Amino acid sequence: MPAKKKAATKKQAPAGRKMIVAHNVNVPGYTHKVDATMYDAMRKAMLKMLPRKAPGMTQAEMWQGVAAYAPKTLFPDSGKIGWWMKTVQLDLEARKVLVREQTKPLRWHRK
């Protein structure tokens, strides 16, 4: 007899925690909810240090720049910076705020 499948439950945000929908340019139509405070802080840090035109920054250069601009209160160590940087970068690309240059290695700049 096959086992019964449990109904999938959605994770709920803790009460009072504001969430924002993030898109993924690599998977059109896919979205997920992320913490709005963390997202906004990383977005501001990225837009502050990314150049307005080509040549942009590589992912390694972006990581170093964001590490310097990300608020230490939200990102006390570098453990979460990479995940948040990539999440925001993919979302901003999907929203056409960032441009991915067709270079090797890949580079990004603001639109």
N, C-alpha and C. Protein backbone atom coordinates (compact mmCIF):
# COMPACT_ATOMS: atom_id res chain seq x y z
N MET A 1 0.85 -1.17 0.00
CA MET A 1 0.00 0.00 0.00
C MET A 1 0.90 1.24 0.00
N PRO A 2 0.70 2.17 -0.96
CA PRO A 2 1.54 3.37 -1.03
C PRO A 2 1.31 4.28 0.18
N ALA A 3 2.38 4.93 0.58
CA ALA A 3 2.29 5.87 1.71
C ALA A 3 1.53 7.12 1.28
N LYS A 4 0.79 7.67 2.21
CA LYS A 4 0.06 8.91 1.92
C LYS A 4 1.04 10.06 1.86
N LYS A 5 0.82 10.93 0.91
CA LYS A 5 1.65 12.13 0.79
C LYS A 5 1.10 13.19 1.72
N LYS A 6 2.01 13.85 2.42
CA LYS A 6 1.60 14.95 3.26
C LYS A 6 1.36 16.17 2.40
N ALA A 7 0.40 16.96 2.76
CA ALA A 7 0.12 18.20 2.04
C ALA A 7 1.29 19.15 2.26
N ALA A 8 1.74 19.76 1.19
CA ALA A 8 2.84 20.72 1.29
C ALA A 8 2.37 21.96 2.04
N THR A 9 3.17 22.38 2.99
CA THR A 9 2.83 23.58 3.73
C THR A 9 3.80 24.68 3.35
N LYS A 10 3.27 25.86 3.15
CA LYS A 10 4.12 27.01 2.83
C LYS A 10 4.69 27.57 4.11
N LYS A 11 5.94 27.97 4.04
CA LYS A 11 6.55 28.61 5.19
C LYS A 11 5.95 30.00 5.35
N GLN A 12 5.58 30.30 6.54
CA GLN A 12 5.01 31.61 6.84
C GLN A 12 6.08 32.50 7.46
N ALA A 13 6.06 33.74 7.09
CA ALA A 13 6.99 34.70 7.68
C ALA A 13 6.56 34.99 9.10
N PRO A 14 7.52 35.17 9.99
CA PRO A 14 7.15 35.54 11.37
C PRO A 14 6.31 36.82 11.36
N ALA A 15 5.43 36.92 12.33
CA ALA A 15 4.54 38.08 12.42
C ALA A 15 5.36 39.37 12.44
N GLY A 16 4.95 40.33 11.64
CA GLY A 16 5.62 41.63 11.60
C GLY A 16 6.81 41.68 10.65
N ARG A 17 7.19 40.59 10.06
CA ARG A 17 8.33 40.57 9.14
C ARG A 17 7.83 40.84 7.73
N LYS A 18 8.35 41.87 7.11
CA LYS A 18 7.93 42.26 5.76
C LYS A 18 8.70 41.44 4.74
N MET A 19 8.00 40.95 3.73
CA MET A 19 8.61 40.13 2.68
C MET A 19 8.45 40.85 1.34
N ILE A 20 9.33 40.48 0.40
CA ILE A 20 9.29 41.05 -0.95
C ILE A 20 9.44 39.89 -1.94
N VAL A 21 8.84 40.02 -3.10
CA VAL A 21 8.93 38.97 -4.12
C VAL A 21 10.17 39.21 -4.97
N ALA A 22 11.02 38.19 -5.07
CA ALA A 22 12.23 38.26 -5.89
C ALA A 22 12.04 37.37 -7.11
N HIS A 23 12.49 37.86 -8.25
CA HIS A 23 12.40 37.13 -9.52
C HIS A 23 13.77 36.53 -9.86
N ASN A 24 13.78 35.61 -10.82
CA ASN A 24 15.02 35.00 -11.26
C ASN A 24 15.08 35.09 -12.78
N VAL A 25 16.03 35.86 -13.30
CA VAL A 25 16.14 36.05 -14.74
C VAL A 25 16.43 34.74 -15.47
N ASN A 26 17.07 33.79 -14.80
CA ASN A 26 17.41 32.51 -15.43
C ASN A 26 16.24 31.55 -15.50
N VAL A 27 15.20 31.78 -14.71
CA VAL A 27 14.01 30.93 -14.70
C VAL A 27 12.79 31.84 -14.77
N PRO A 28 12.42 32.29 -15.97
CA PRO A 28 11.29 33.22 -16.10
C PRO A 28 10.03 32.67 -15.46
N GLY A 29 9.35 33.52 -14.72
CA GLY A 29 8.11 33.12 -14.06
C GLY A 29 8.32 32.59 -12.65
N TYR A 30 9.56 32.25 -12.28
CA TYR A 30 9.83 31.75 -10.93
C TYR A 30 10.05 32.92 -9.99
N THR A 31 9.35 32.91 -8.89
CA THR A 31 9.53 33.94 -7.86
C THR A 31 9.60 33.27 -6.50
N HIS A 32 10.17 33.96 -5.55
CA HIS A 32 10.15 33.51 -4.17
C HIS A 32 10.18 34.73 -3.27
N LYS A 33 9.67 34.56 -2.06
CA LYS A 33 9.61 35.67 -1.12
C LYS A 33 10.87 35.67 -0.24
N VAL A 34 11.41 36.86 -0.06
CA VAL A 34 12.59 37.03 0.78
C VAL A 34 12.35 38.20 1.73
N ASP A 35 13.15 38.27 2.76
CA ASP A 35 13.05 39.32 3.76
C ASP A 35 13.31 40.69 3.10
N ALA A 36 12.38 41.60 3.26
CA ALA A 36 12.46 42.91 2.59
C ALA A 36 13.61 43.76 3.13
N THR A 37 13.88 43.70 4.43
CA THR A 37 14.95 44.51 5.01
C THR A 37 16.31 44.08 4.47
N MET A 38 16.55 42.78 4.43
CA MET A 38 17.82 42.25 3.91
C MET A 38 17.95 42.57 2.41
N TYR A 39 16.85 42.37 1.66
CA TYR A 39 16.86 42.63 0.23
C TYR A 39 17.19 44.10 -0.05
N ASP A 40 16.49 45.01 0.64
CA ASP A 40 16.69 46.44 0.42
C ASP A 40 18.12 46.88 0.75
N ALA A 41 18.67 46.34 1.83
CA ALA A 41 20.05 46.69 2.21
C ALA A 41 21.04 46.22 1.14
N MET A 42 20.86 45.01 0.63
CA MET A 42 21.77 44.49 -0.39
C MET A 42 21.57 45.23 -1.71
N ARG A 43 20.34 45.57 -2.04
CA ARG A 43 20.06 46.32 -3.27
C ARG A 43 20.76 47.67 -3.24
N LYS A 44 20.65 48.38 -2.12
CA LYS A 44 21.30 49.68 -2.00
C LYS A 44 22.82 49.55 -2.12
N ALA A 45 23.38 48.54 -1.48
CA ALA A 45 24.82 48.33 -1.55
C ALA A 45 25.26 48.03 -2.98
N MET A 46 24.51 47.20 -3.69
CA MET A 46 24.88 46.85 -5.07
C MET A 46 24.78 48.05 -5.99
N LEU A 47 23.69 48.79 -5.89
CA LEU A 47 23.50 49.93 -6.79
C LEU A 47 24.49 51.05 -6.50
N LYS A 48 24.97 51.12 -5.27
CA LYS A 48 25.94 52.14 -4.89
C LYS A 48 27.30 51.88 -5.54
N MET A 49 27.68 50.61 -5.66
CA MET A 49 29.04 50.33 -6.13
C MET A 49 29.13 49.84 -7.58
N LEU A 50 28.02 49.44 -8.19
CA LEU A 50 28.09 48.99 -9.58
C LEU A 50 28.21 50.16 -10.54
N PRO A 51 29.05 50.03 -11.58
CA PRO A 51 29.20 51.12 -12.54
C PRO A 51 27.95 51.28 -13.41
N ARG A 52 27.78 52.49 -13.94
CA ARG A 52 26.61 52.78 -14.78
C ARG A 52 26.77 52.28 -16.21
N LYS A 53 27.98 52.04 -16.66
CA LYS A 53 28.16 51.55 -18.03
C LYS A 53 29.30 50.55 -18.09
N ALA A 54 29.41 49.89 -19.23
CA ALA A 54 30.44 48.86 -19.44
C ALA A 54 31.81 49.51 -19.42
N PRO A 55 32.86 48.84 -19.03
CA PRO A 55 32.82 47.46 -18.54
C PRO A 55 32.33 47.42 -17.11
N GLY A 56 31.51 46.44 -16.82
CA GLY A 56 30.95 46.29 -15.49
C GLY A 56 31.89 45.57 -14.56
N MET A 57 31.32 44.92 -13.57
CA MET A 57 32.10 44.20 -12.58
C MET A 57 31.85 42.70 -12.71
N THR A 58 32.90 41.92 -12.46
CA THR A 58 32.73 40.47 -12.42
C THR A 58 32.04 40.10 -11.11
N GLN A 59 31.64 38.84 -11.00
CA GLN A 59 30.98 38.42 -9.78
C GLN A 59 31.92 38.55 -8.58
N ALA A 60 33.19 38.21 -8.75
CA ALA A 60 34.16 38.33 -7.66
C ALA A 60 34.34 39.79 -7.24
N GLU A 61 34.42 40.68 -8.23
CA GLU A 61 34.55 42.11 -7.93
C GLU A 61 33.30 42.64 -7.23
N MET A 62 32.14 42.16 -7.68
CA MET A 62 30.88 42.57 -7.06
C MET A 62 30.85 42.13 -5.60
N TRP A 63 31.28 40.90 -5.33
CA TRP A 63 31.27 40.37 -3.98
C TRP A 63 32.16 41.21 -3.07
N GLN A 64 33.33 41.57 -3.54
CA GLN A 64 34.24 42.40 -2.74
C GLN A 64 33.64 43.77 -2.47
N GLY A 65 33.03 44.36 -3.50
CA GLY A 65 32.42 45.68 -3.35
C GLY A 65 31.24 45.66 -2.41
N VAL A 66 30.40 44.66 -2.55
CA VAL A 66 29.22 44.56 -1.71
C VAL A 66 29.63 44.32 -0.26
N ALA A 67 30.66 43.52 -0.04
CA ALA A 67 31.13 43.24 1.33
C ALA A 67 31.53 44.54 2.03
N ALA A 68 32.04 45.49 1.28
CA ALA A 68 32.45 46.77 1.87
C ALA A 68 31.25 47.68 2.15
N TYR A 69 30.21 47.61 1.31
CA TYR A 69 29.06 48.51 1.44
C TYR A 69 27.90 47.93 2.25
N ALA A 70 27.82 46.61 2.40
CA ALA A 70 26.70 45.99 3.12
C ALA A 70 26.76 46.38 4.60
N PRO A 71 25.61 46.75 5.19
CA PRO A 71 25.61 47.14 6.59
C PRO A 71 26.00 45.98 7.51
N LYS A 72 26.94 46.25 8.39
CA LYS A 72 27.45 45.20 9.29
C LYS A 72 26.39 44.75 10.30
N THR A 73 25.39 45.57 10.55
CA THR A 73 24.33 45.17 11.47
C THR A 73 23.50 44.03 10.90
N LEU A 74 23.29 44.02 9.57
CA LEU A 74 22.52 42.96 8.92
C LEU A 74 23.41 41.83 8.42
N PHE A 75 24.63 42.16 8.04
CA PHE A 75 25.57 41.18 7.50
C PHE A 75 26.86 41.22 8.33
N PRO A 76 26.81 40.70 9.58
CA PRO A 76 27.98 40.81 10.47
C PRO A 76 29.19 40.03 9.99
N ASP A 77 28.97 38.95 9.27
CA ASP A 77 30.08 38.21 8.68
C ASP A 77 29.77 38.00 7.21
N SER A 78 30.71 37.47 6.48
CA SER A 78 30.52 37.33 5.03
C SER A 78 29.71 36.11 4.65
N GLY A 79 29.22 35.36 5.60
CA GLY A 79 28.50 34.12 5.32
C GLY A 79 27.26 34.27 4.46
N LYS A 80 26.49 35.31 4.67
CA LYS A 80 25.23 35.47 3.94
C LYS A 80 25.34 36.43 2.77
N ILE A 81 26.43 37.12 2.66
CA ILE A 81 26.57 38.14 1.61
C ILE A 81 26.44 37.55 0.22
N GLY A 82 27.09 36.43 -0.04
CA GLY A 82 27.06 35.82 -1.37
C GLY A 82 25.66 35.43 -1.81
N TRP A 83 24.88 34.80 -0.92
CA TRP A 83 23.53 34.39 -1.27
C TRP A 83 22.65 35.60 -1.55
N TRP A 84 22.71 36.60 -0.70
CA TRP A 84 21.89 37.80 -0.89
C TRP A 84 22.32 38.57 -2.12
N MET A 85 23.62 38.65 -2.38
CA MET A 85 24.11 39.35 -3.57
C MET A 85 23.57 38.69 -4.83
N LYS A 86 23.64 37.35 -4.90
CA LYS A 86 23.18 36.64 -6.10
C LYS A 86 21.66 36.76 -6.25
N THR A 87 20.92 36.66 -5.15
CA THR A 87 19.46 36.79 -5.20
C THR A 87 19.06 38.16 -5.73
N VAL A 88 19.67 39.20 -5.22
CA VAL A 88 19.35 40.56 -5.64
C VAL A 88 19.81 40.79 -7.08
N GLN A 89 20.99 40.28 -7.44
CA GLN A 89 21.50 40.45 -8.80
C GLN A 89 20.55 39.81 -9.83
N LEU A 90 20.10 38.59 -9.56
CA LEU A 90 19.18 37.92 -10.49
C LEU A 90 17.85 38.65 -10.57
N ASP A 91 17.37 39.16 -9.43
CA ASP A 91 16.12 39.90 -9.42
C ASP A 91 16.25 41.21 -10.19
N LEU A 92 17.32 41.95 -9.96
CA LEU A 92 17.51 43.22 -10.66
C LEU A 92 17.71 43.02 -12.16
N GLU A 93 18.32 41.92 -12.54
CA GLU A 93 18.41 41.60 -13.98
C GLU A 93 17.03 41.34 -14.55
N ALA A 94 16.21 40.59 -13.84
CA ALA A 94 14.85 40.28 -14.30
C ALA A 94 14.02 41.55 -14.42
N ARG A 95 14.27 42.51 -13.55
CA ARG A 95 13.53 43.78 -13.57
C ARG A 95 14.17 44.81 -14.51
N LYS A 96 15.24 44.40 -15.19
CA LYS A 96 15.95 45.23 -16.18
C LYS A 96 16.60 46.46 -15.55
N VAL A 97 17.07 46.31 -14.32
CA VAL A 97 17.82 47.37 -13.65
C VAL A 97 19.31 47.14 -13.87
N LEU A 98 19.71 45.88 -13.97
CA LEU A 98 21.10 45.50 -14.26
C LEU A 98 21.19 44.89 -15.64
N VAL A 99 22.36 45.03 -16.25
CA VAL A 99 22.63 44.45 -17.56
C VAL A 99 23.76 43.44 -17.42
N ARG A 100 23.56 42.24 -17.95
CA ARG A 100 24.60 41.22 -17.98
C ARG A 100 25.33 41.35 -19.31
N GLU A 101 26.62 41.65 -19.23
CA GLU A 101 27.42 41.78 -20.44
C GLU A 101 27.80 40.39 -20.94
N GLN A 102 27.84 40.23 -22.24
CA GLN A 102 28.20 38.94 -22.84
C GLN A 102 29.71 38.85 -23.00
N THR A 103 30.41 38.77 -21.88
CA THR A 103 31.86 38.69 -21.85
C THR A 103 32.27 37.45 -21.07
N LYS A 104 33.53 37.12 -21.16
CA LYS A 104 34.11 36.04 -20.35
C LYS A 104 35.22 36.67 -19.53
N PRO A 105 35.18 36.68 -18.24
CA PRO A 105 34.06 36.27 -17.39
C PRO A 105 32.90 37.27 -17.49
N LEU A 106 31.73 36.81 -17.06
CA LEU A 106 30.55 37.67 -17.09
C LEU A 106 30.76 38.92 -16.26
N ARG A 107 30.17 40.01 -16.72
CA ARG A 107 30.24 41.29 -16.00
C ARG A 107 28.84 41.89 -15.98
N TRP A 108 28.57 42.70 -14.95
CA TRP A 108 27.29 43.36 -14.80
C TRP A 108 27.50 44.85 -14.57
N HIS A 109 26.55 45.66 -15.06
CA HIS A 109 26.55 47.09 -14.77
C HIS A 109 25.08 47.55 -14.71
N ARG A 110 24.90 48.74 -14.16
CA ARG A 110 23.53 49.29 -14.09
C ARG A 110 23.08 49.72 -15.47
N LYS A 111 21.78 49.71 -15.66
CA LYS A 111 21.20 50.11 -16.94
C LYS A 111 21.10 51.62 -17.01
